[in-house]
Amino acid sequence: MPDKEKLAQTMRIDLIPDVPEKPAAGKKRRMVITSSTRTRRAKAKTAELDTDSRYNELLQSVYDAALICDLDGNIVDANARAIEFLLYKRGDLTEMTIFDVISGADESLIKTLCDNLEEERYTLIQAYCRRKNATVFPAEIAVNKLNLGTTHLCFFIRDITWRRQAEAMLRTEHNAIQNAYNGIAVTDIEAKLEYVNPAVARMWGYEDAEELLTTDVRDLLCDVDKASEMIGTVMGDGEDWTGEMRACDSNGREFDVAISAVCNRNSDGEIVGVVFSLADISDRKVAEAAARENEKHRVMLESLGAACHHLGQPATVLLANLGIIQKKLNSGDEVLPKLVDSSIDAVKTLGKILRKLNAVNEYKTTHYLGNEDNEGEGSRILEI
């Protein structure tokens, strides 16, 4: 390691006010110092300001709000950005202390900063800052030592309201995805899984979602060719894809999954992968198959009832006519009465069968003539 280089630490301090929305002036608040992160820095030569104009020009050009304080916390200078953030006039600020601006700060903060800045380049503070109108905003504050003849502290204040809101929104979205019933998966440009939520792991029979990472998404689906075509449509043509495919879980069980796939793009609009929304539809498929089977049985039973109705009318007429013929037979031929009696018995049997058929309310079949060896559809008849 070169002699002029030095290993430095960046201390981060979180100041937590009791009530950020309505801070009480002068009330002591607790200060939390979190673990530090290490950076490398080279020794820099002390640069002296040639004139006050160069100092003022630099101060006013800083993007962040800048407050210059002495070692007692008294504000001695401020830039235009600080006036814009805090809504005070410059003269008002120079009559205040840094403790009036940073909610939760007290004299112990100055001591902590001075001790840390003896060896380090700067210290970061996460805190709330108070405006003149008594509102507060979350801020990230970088503190440096500044040599203006005597040692001063320079507080660079950045409003991180939008960052906090974005982080809160990201946390909300992450929690929503993590707890979603449907599976969410994200792949890279090579169709390797980069992220899966717990629902995907459950669908494919894994205990930990991380077990699926780096897996090719096509390996989770039964029809690899169709899966490749889907990925080509999304990443090659930039089009959305929606459909259903068969999948195979870690235990070899096949199930139906509904897939919606869209492009995942970076901030430049370039396609960097695919986002999948996945839903196990096996139960729905079973229910749909049962509904189709029930509908088939319903149609058959209605057709059977109609057939019974149409066959019953001529059977009734035939039975009546045979009865009349039987009564009027005066011939001595013994064969004719037997034929008539046999016909009447057949018609009565037909009537009994029609009544049974008309009373059928469930479509069930049985083996034709007791032939249980032949399982073909042609070997089964309706059971009545």
Protein backbone atom coordinates (compact mmCIF):
# COMPACT_ATOMS: atom_id res chain seq x y z
CA MET A 1 0.00 0.00 0.00
CA PRO A 2 1.45 3.45 -0.89
CA ASP A 3 2.52 5.55 2.04
CA LYS A 4 0.26 8.40 1.01
CA GLU A 5 -2.83 6.24 1.11
CA LYS A 6 -4.79 5.65 4.25
CA LEU A 7 -7.61 3.27 5.15
CA ALA A 8 -10.55 5.40 6.30
CA GLN A 9 -13.93 4.75 7.84
CA THR A 10 -17.20 6.51 7.12
CA MET A 11 -19.32 6.79 10.21
CA ARG A 12 -23.07 6.89 9.76
CA ILE A 13 -25.22 8.48 12.46
CA ASP A 14 -29.01 8.12 12.63
CA LEU A 15 -30.76 10.83 14.63
CA ILE A 16 -34.25 9.72 15.64
CA PRO A 17 -36.57 12.46 16.88
CA ASP A 18 -39.29 11.60 19.36
CA VAL A 19 -42.05 12.99 17.13
CA PRO A 20 -40.72 14.01 13.69
CA GLU A 21 -43.96 15.76 12.72
CA LYS A 22 -44.02 18.10 15.77
CA PRO A 23 -40.50 18.39 17.21
CA ALA A 24 -40.19 20.00 20.62
CA ALA A 25 -37.52 22.69 20.80
CA GLY A 26 -34.65 21.96 23.13
CA LYS A 27 -35.82 18.45 24.00
CA LYS A 28 -33.06 15.85 24.19
CA ARG A 29 -33.36 13.00 21.72
CA ARG A 30 -31.44 9.82 21.41
CA MET A 31 -28.64 9.39 18.90
CA VAL A 32 -27.87 6.04 17.25
CA ILE A 33 -24.48 5.35 15.70
CA THR A 34 -24.61 2.44 13.26
CA SER A 35 -21.79 0.25 12.01
CA SER A 36 -19.32 2.01 9.77
CA THR A 37 -18.37 1.16 6.22
CA ARG A 38 -14.77 1.25 5.00
CA THR A 39 -13.49 3.24 2.06
CA ARG A 40 -10.03 4.03 0.78
CA ARG A 41 -8.77 7.53 0.40
CA ALA A 42 -5.49 9.19 -0.39
CA LYS A 43 -4.09 12.00 1.68
CA ALA A 44 -5.06 15.27 0.08
CA LYS A 45 -3.04 18.42 0.40
CA THR A 46 -4.74 21.24 2.24
CA ALA A 47 -6.01 23.75 -0.30
CA GLU A 48 -6.30 27.30 0.91
CA LEU A 49 -8.88 29.65 -0.51
CA ASP A 50 -7.32 32.59 -2.28
CA THR A 51 -10.16 35.00 -1.70
CA ASP A 52 -13.55 35.18 -0.06
CA SER A 53 -15.11 35.41 -3.51
CA ARG A 54 -13.83 31.99 -4.46
CA TYR A 55 -15.14 30.58 -1.17
CA ASN A 56 -18.56 32.18 -1.71
CA GLU A 57 -18.68 31.05 -5.32
CA LEU A 58 -17.94 27.47 -4.28
CA LEU A 59 -20.44 27.58 -1.40
CA GLN A 60 -23.25 28.90 -3.56
CA SER A 61 -22.56 26.42 -6.37
CA VAL A 62 -23.02 23.36 -4.14
CA TYR A 63 -26.14 21.41 -5.09
CA ASP A 64 -26.98 20.47 -1.49
CA ALA A 65 -28.00 22.86 1.21
CA ALA A 66 -24.79 23.87 3.01
CA LEU A 67 -24.53 25.21 6.56
CA ILE A 68 -21.16 26.31 8.03
CA CYS A 69 -20.99 25.99 11.83
CA ASP A 70 -18.40 26.62 14.48
CA LEU A 71 -17.51 23.96 17.03
CA ASP A 72 -20.28 25.18 19.32
CA GLY A 73 -22.91 24.45 16.67
CA ASN A 74 -23.54 28.12 15.79
CA ILE A 75 -24.37 28.66 12.10
CA VAL A 76 -21.99 31.21 10.58
CA ASP A 77 -22.84 30.86 6.90
CA ALA A 78 -25.38 29.27 4.55
CA ASN A 79 -25.84 28.94 0.81
CA ALA A 80 -28.90 29.74 -1.30
CA ARG A 81 -29.94 26.09 -1.36
CA ALA A 82 -30.17 26.06 2.44
CA ILE A 83 -32.39 29.14 2.34
CA GLU A 84 -34.60 27.39 -0.23
CA PHE A 85 -34.82 24.16 1.81
CA LEU A 86 -35.29 25.63 5.25
CA LEU A 87 -37.36 28.71 4.29
CA TYR A 88 -35.28 31.00 6.51
CA LYS A 89 -33.53 34.17 5.45
CA ARG A 90 -29.76 34.09 5.59
CA GLY A 91 -29.72 36.51 8.51
CA ASP A 92 -32.09 34.29 10.46
CA LEU A 93 -29.94 31.23 9.88
CA THR A 94 -26.77 32.91 11.11
CA GLU A 95 -28.53 33.59 14.41
CA MET A 96 -29.45 29.92 14.86
CA THR A 97 -27.61 26.74 15.82
CA ILE A 98 -27.41 23.50 13.90
CA PHE A 99 -29.49 21.95 16.71
CA ASP A 100 -32.39 24.20 15.66
CA VAL A 101 -32.24 22.71 12.16
CA ILE A 102 -31.52 19.03 12.80
CA SER A 103 -34.28 17.41 14.82
CA GLY A 104 -32.89 15.22 17.57
CA ALA A 105 -29.45 16.85 17.61
CA ASP A 106 -27.74 18.21 20.74
CA GLU A 107 -24.24 19.16 21.90
CA SER A 108 -23.13 15.53 21.98
CA LEU A 109 -23.46 15.42 18.19
CA ILE A 110 -20.70 18.04 17.77
CA LYS A 111 -18.35 16.08 20.02
CA THR A 112 -19.04 12.85 18.13
CA LEU A 113 -18.43 14.58 14.81
CA CYS A 114 -15.20 16.18 15.92
CA ASP A 115 -13.88 12.90 17.30
CA ASN A 116 -14.70 11.05 14.12
CA LEU A 117 -13.41 13.76 11.76
CA GLU A 118 -10.03 13.73 13.44
CA GLU A 119 -9.27 10.60 11.41
CA GLU A 120 -11.97 10.45 8.76
CA ARG A 121 -12.91 12.55 5.79
CA TYR A 122 -16.60 12.91 6.53
CA THR A 123 -19.50 11.57 8.54
CA LEU A 124 -22.99 10.75 7.26
CA ILE A 125 -26.11 11.56 9.28
CA GLN A 126 -29.64 10.32 8.64
CA ALA A 127 -32.05 12.72 10.35
CA TYR A 128 -35.08 14.99 9.99
CA CYS A 129 -34.59 18.70 9.39
CA ARG A 130 -36.98 21.42 10.55
CA ARG A 131 -38.18 24.24 8.29
CA LYS A 132 -39.30 27.66 9.43
CA ASN A 133 -42.94 26.67 8.97
CA ALA A 134 -42.47 23.81 11.51
CA THR A 135 -42.62 21.08 8.86
CA VAL A 136 -39.90 18.46 8.71
CA PHE A 137 -38.30 16.48 5.90
CA PRO A 138 -35.99 13.44 5.92
CA ALA A 139 -32.42 14.35 5.08
CA GLU A 140 -29.06 12.78 4.45
CA ILE A 141 -26.34 15.03 5.86
CA ALA A 142 -22.63 14.79 5.06
CA VAL A 143 -20.36 16.59 7.55
CA ASN A 144 -16.80 17.72 6.76
CA LYS A 145 -14.21 19.75 8.55
CA LEU A 146 -13.47 23.12 7.00
CA ASN A 147 -10.47 25.28 7.82
CA LEU A 148 -11.44 28.95 7.71
CA GLY A 149 -8.58 30.15 9.85
CA THR A 150 -10.27 28.26 12.66
CA THR A 151 -11.87 24.84 12.39
CA HIS A 152 -15.49 24.79 11.28
CA LEU A 153 -17.93 22.06 10.40
CA CYS A 154 -19.71 22.04 7.05
CA PHE A 155 -23.11 20.32 6.94
CA PHE A 156 -24.26 19.35 3.43
CA ILE A 157 -28.00 18.62 3.67
CA ARG A 158 -29.87 16.68 0.99
CA ASP A 159 -33.66 16.28 1.02
CA ILE A 160 -34.38 12.55 0.55
CA THR A 161 -38.19 12.71 0.73
CA TRP A 162 -38.62 11.29 -2.75
CA ARG A 163 -36.03 8.59 -2.06
CA ARG A 164 -37.85 7.57 1.13
CA GLN A 165 -41.15 7.43 -0.75
CA ALA A 166 -39.58 5.39 -3.56
CA GLU A 167 -38.02 3.00 -1.04
CA ALA A 168 -41.35 2.64 0.77
CA MET A 169 -43.09 1.93 -2.52
CA LEU A 170 -40.46 -0.64 -3.46
CA ARG A 171 -40.87 -2.34 -0.09
CA THR A 172 -44.64 -2.41 -0.57
CA GLU A 173 -44.34 -3.85 -4.07
CA HIS A 174 -41.77 -6.39 -2.90
CA ASN A 175 -44.04 -7.53 -0.06
CA ALA A 176 -46.98 -7.75 -2.45
CA ILE A 177 -44.98 -9.93 -4.87
CA GLN A 178 -43.56 -12.08 -2.08
CA ASN A 179 -47.04 -12.78 -0.67
CA ALA A 180 -48.88 -13.08 -3.99
CA TYR A 181 -50.86 -16.28 -4.60
CA ASN A 182 -49.75 -16.37 -8.24
CA GLY A 183 -46.14 -17.12 -9.09
CA ILE A 184 -43.87 -14.31 -10.27
CA ALA A 185 -40.57 -15.15 -11.97
CA VAL A 186 -37.93 -13.01 -13.68
CA THR A 187 -35.32 -14.35 -16.11
CA ASP A 188 -32.23 -12.85 -17.69
CA ILE A 189 -31.58 -12.57 -21.40
CA GLU A 190 -30.63 -16.28 -21.51
CA ALA A 191 -33.92 -17.36 -19.88
CA LYS A 192 -32.13 -18.21 -16.60
CA LEU A 193 -34.20 -17.49 -13.49
CA GLU A 194 -32.97 -14.45 -11.55
CA TYR A 195 -35.90 -14.14 -9.15
CA VAL A 196 -38.87 -16.28 -8.14
CA ASN A 197 -41.37 -15.60 -5.38
CA PRO A 198 -42.45 -18.27 -2.85
CA ALA A 199 -45.55 -19.14 -4.90
CA VAL A 200 -43.35 -20.41 -7.76
CA ALA A 201 -41.37 -22.57 -5.34
CA ARG A 202 -44.61 -24.05 -3.96
CA MET A 203 -45.96 -24.80 -7.44
CA TRP A 204 -42.82 -26.67 -8.47
CA GLY A 205 -42.40 -28.44 -5.11
CA TYR A 206 -39.33 -26.61 -3.76
CA GLU A 207 -38.95 -25.58 -0.13
CA ASP A 208 -36.69 -22.63 -0.90
CA ALA A 209 -37.14 -20.25 -3.84
CA GLU A 210 -33.36 -19.87 -4.14
CA GLU A 211 -33.12 -23.50 -5.32
CA LEU A 212 -34.68 -22.41 -8.60
CA LEU A 213 -32.26 -19.56 -9.30
CA THR A 214 -30.07 -19.94 -12.44
CA THR A 215 -32.45 -22.67 -13.69
CA ASP A 216 -33.51 -22.36 -17.33
CA VAL A 217 -37.23 -21.59 -17.26
CA ARG A 218 -37.74 -23.97 -20.19
CA ASP A 219 -36.64 -26.87 -17.97
CA LEU A 220 -39.71 -26.29 -15.80
CA LEU A 221 -42.10 -26.89 -18.72
CA CYS A 222 -42.93 -30.14 -20.50
CA ASP A 223 -43.02 -28.81 -24.05
CA VAL A 224 -39.54 -27.33 -24.51
CA ASP A 225 -40.16 -26.36 -28.13
CA LYS A 226 -43.30 -24.41 -27.25
CA ALA A 227 -41.47 -22.78 -24.32
CA SER A 228 -38.63 -21.71 -26.65
CA GLU A 229 -41.18 -20.31 -29.09
CA MET A 230 -42.77 -18.34 -26.25
CA ILE A 231 -39.42 -16.85 -25.17
CA GLY A 232 -38.58 -16.01 -28.77
CA THR A 233 -41.89 -14.20 -29.17
CA VAL A 234 -41.29 -12.12 -26.03
CA MET A 235 -37.58 -11.35 -26.29
CA GLY A 236 -37.21 -11.56 -30.06
CA ASP A 237 -40.37 -9.78 -31.17
CA GLY A 238 -40.99 -7.78 -27.99
CA GLU A 239 -44.59 -9.02 -27.82
CA ASP A 240 -46.55 -10.20 -24.79
CA TRP A 241 -47.43 -13.90 -24.62
CA THR A 242 -50.38 -15.47 -22.83
CA GLY A 243 -51.33 -19.12 -22.86
CA GLU A 244 -51.43 -22.45 -21.05
CA MET A 245 -48.78 -25.16 -20.88
CA ARG A 246 -48.03 -28.38 -19.04
CA ALA A 247 -45.34 -28.19 -16.37
CA CYS A 248 -43.43 -30.78 -14.36
CA ASP A 249 -42.55 -30.25 -10.70
CA SER A 250 -39.52 -31.53 -8.78
CA ASN A 251 -41.32 -34.82 -8.01
CA GLY A 252 -42.20 -35.51 -11.63
CA ARG A 253 -45.87 -34.59 -11.25
CA GLU A 254 -47.32 -32.85 -14.28
CA PHE A 255 -49.77 -30.01 -13.87
CA ASP A 256 -51.35 -27.26 -15.97
CA VAL A 257 -50.09 -23.70 -15.64
CA ALA A 258 -51.39 -20.46 -17.10
CA ILE A 259 -48.54 -18.21 -18.24
CA SER A 260 -48.37 -14.51 -18.97
CA ALA A 261 -44.94 -13.35 -20.19
CA VAL A 262 -43.78 -9.79 -20.89
CA CYS A 263 -40.45 -8.12 -21.62
CA ASN A 264 -38.28 -6.89 -18.79
CA ARG A 265 -36.53 -3.69 -19.90
CA ASN A 266 -33.78 -1.60 -18.32
CA SER A 267 -33.79 2.18 -17.93
CA ASP A 268 -32.63 2.55 -21.54
CA GLY A 269 -35.56 0.51 -22.85
CA GLU A 270 -33.39 -2.46 -23.79
CA ILE A 271 -34.78 -5.97 -23.27
CA VAL A 272 -32.86 -7.66 -20.45
CA GLY A 273 -35.13 -10.63 -19.77
CA VAL A 274 -38.69 -11.79 -19.24
CA VAL A 275 -41.18 -11.37 -16.41
CA PHE A 276 -43.56 -14.31 -15.95
CA SER A 277 -46.86 -14.47 -14.11
CA LEU A 278 -47.73 -18.11 -13.38
CA ALA A 279 -50.88 -19.75 -12.03
CA ASP A 280 -51.57 -23.42 -11.32
CA ILE A 281 -54.83 -24.19 -13.12
CA SER A 282 -54.94 -27.96 -12.55
CA ASP A 283 -58.02 -27.72 -10.31
CA ARG A 284 -59.75 -25.54 -12.86
CA LYS A 285 -58.96 -28.04 -15.62
CA VAL A 286 -60.42 -30.89 -13.53
CA ALA A 287 -63.54 -28.84 -12.83
CA GLU A 288 -63.91 -27.97 -16.52
CA ALA A 289 -63.57 -31.64 -17.50
CA ALA A 290 -66.19 -32.63 -14.91
CA ALA A 291 -68.51 -29.91 -16.18
CA ARG A 292 -68.12 -31.15 -19.75
CA GLU A 293 -68.82 -34.72 -18.66
CA ASN A 294 -71.91 -33.63 -16.73
CA GLU A 295 -73.14 -31.70 -19.74
CA LYS A 296 -72.60 -34.77 -21.91
CA HIS A 297 -74.63 -36.90 -19.51
CA ARG A 298 -77.36 -34.29 -19.34
CA VAL A 299 -77.71 -34.24 -23.12
CA MET A 300 -77.78 -38.04 -23.26
CA LEU A 301 -80.45 -38.26 -20.60
CA GLU A 302 -82.57 -35.63 -22.32
CA SER A 303 -82.17 -37.50 -25.62
CA LEU A 304 -83.12 -40.74 -23.91
CA GLY A 305 -86.23 -39.16 -22.41
CA ALA A 306 -87.27 -37.87 -25.83
CA ALA A 307 -86.71 -41.32 -27.37
CA CYS A 308 -88.86 -42.93 -24.67
CA HIS A 309 -91.63 -40.45 -25.36
CA HIS A 310 -91.62 -41.07 -29.09
CA LEU A 311 -91.42 -44.88 -28.76
CA GLY A 312 -94.12 -45.03 -26.11
CA GLN A 313 -96.89 -43.71 -28.37
CA PRO A 314 -96.64 -46.37 -31.15
CA ALA A 315 -96.12 -49.09 -28.53
CA THR A 316 -99.40 -48.07 -26.89
CA VAL A 317 -101.23 -48.13 -30.22
CA LEU A 318 -99.73 -51.51 -31.09
CA LEU A 319 -100.82 -52.96 -27.74
CA ALA A 320 -104.36 -51.65 -28.17
CA ASN A 321 -104.66 -53.02 -31.70
CA LEU A 322 -103.40 -56.45 -30.69
CA GLY A 323 -105.97 -56.56 -27.89
CA ILE A 324 -108.77 -55.87 -30.33
CA ILE A 325 -107.50 -58.52 -32.75
CA GLN A 326 -107.33 -61.07 -29.95
CA LYS A 327 -110.97 -60.54 -29.07
CA LYS A 328 -112.21 -60.82 -32.65
CA LEU A 329 -110.33 -63.93 -33.65
CA ASN A 330 -113.04 -66.58 -34.37
CA SER A 331 -110.92 -68.83 -36.49
CA GLY A 332 -110.10 -72.29 -35.29
CA ASP A 333 -106.42 -71.79 -36.10
CA GLU A 334 -104.52 -72.16 -32.84
CA VAL A 335 -101.37 -70.48 -34.21
CA LEU A 336 -102.83 -66.99 -34.61
CA PRO A 337 -103.90 -66.60 -30.95
CA LYS A 338 -100.40 -67.69 -29.88
CA LEU A 339 -98.79 -65.13 -32.16
CA VAL A 340 -101.11 -62.42 -30.85
CA ASP A 341 -100.38 -63.41 -27.23
CA SER A 342 -96.62 -63.35 -27.93
CA SER A 343 -96.91 -59.91 -29.54
CA ILE A 344 -98.89 -58.58 -26.56
CA ASP A 345 -96.24 -59.89 -24.14
CA ALA A 346 -93.48 -58.25 -26.21
CA VAL A 347 -95.35 -54.93 -26.24
CA LYS A 348 -95.85 -55.10 -22.46
CA THR A 349 -92.13 -55.80 -22.00
CA LEU A 350 -91.35 -52.83 -24.24
CA GLY A 351 -93.60 -50.67 -22.09
CA LYS A 352 -91.78 -51.74 -18.92
CA ILE A 353 -88.39 -50.94 -20.52
CA LEU A 354 -89.63 -47.53 -21.65
CA ARG A 355 -90.89 -46.74 -18.13
CA LYS A 356 -87.45 -47.67 -16.69
CA LEU A 357 -85.66 -45.61 -19.30
CA ASN A 358 -87.87 -42.64 -18.61
CA ALA A 359 -87.03 -42.90 -14.91
CA VAL A 360 -83.22 -42.93 -15.44
CA ASN A 361 -81.59 -39.86 -13.83
CA GLU A 362 -77.93 -40.91 -14.00
CA TYR A 363 -75.97 -41.97 -17.04
CA LYS A 364 -74.33 -45.30 -16.11
CA THR A 365 -73.21 -48.11 -18.40
CA THR A 366 -72.70 -51.81 -17.89
CA HIS A 367 -70.99 -54.62 -19.82
CA TYR A 368 -73.04 -55.92 -22.74
CA LEU A 369 -74.15 -59.51 -22.12
CA GLY A 370 -71.79 -59.70 -19.12
CA ASN A 371 -68.68 -59.49 -21.30
CA GLU A 372 -66.22 -57.92 -18.82
CA ASP A 373 -63.12 -58.76 -20.87
CA ASN A 374 -63.97 -56.35 -23.66
CA GLU A 375 -63.60 -52.79 -22.35
CA GLY A 376 -64.42 -51.05 -25.63
CA GLU A 377 -67.21 -48.51 -25.87
CA GLY A 378 -69.15 -50.83 -28.15
CA SER A 379 -69.29 -53.52 -25.47
CA ARG A 380 -71.17 -51.36 -22.95
CA ILE A 381 -74.86 -50.46 -22.79
CA LEU A 382 -76.92 -48.17 -20.59
CA GLU A 383 -77.65 -49.63 -17.17
CA ILE A 384 -81.36 -49.43 -16.21
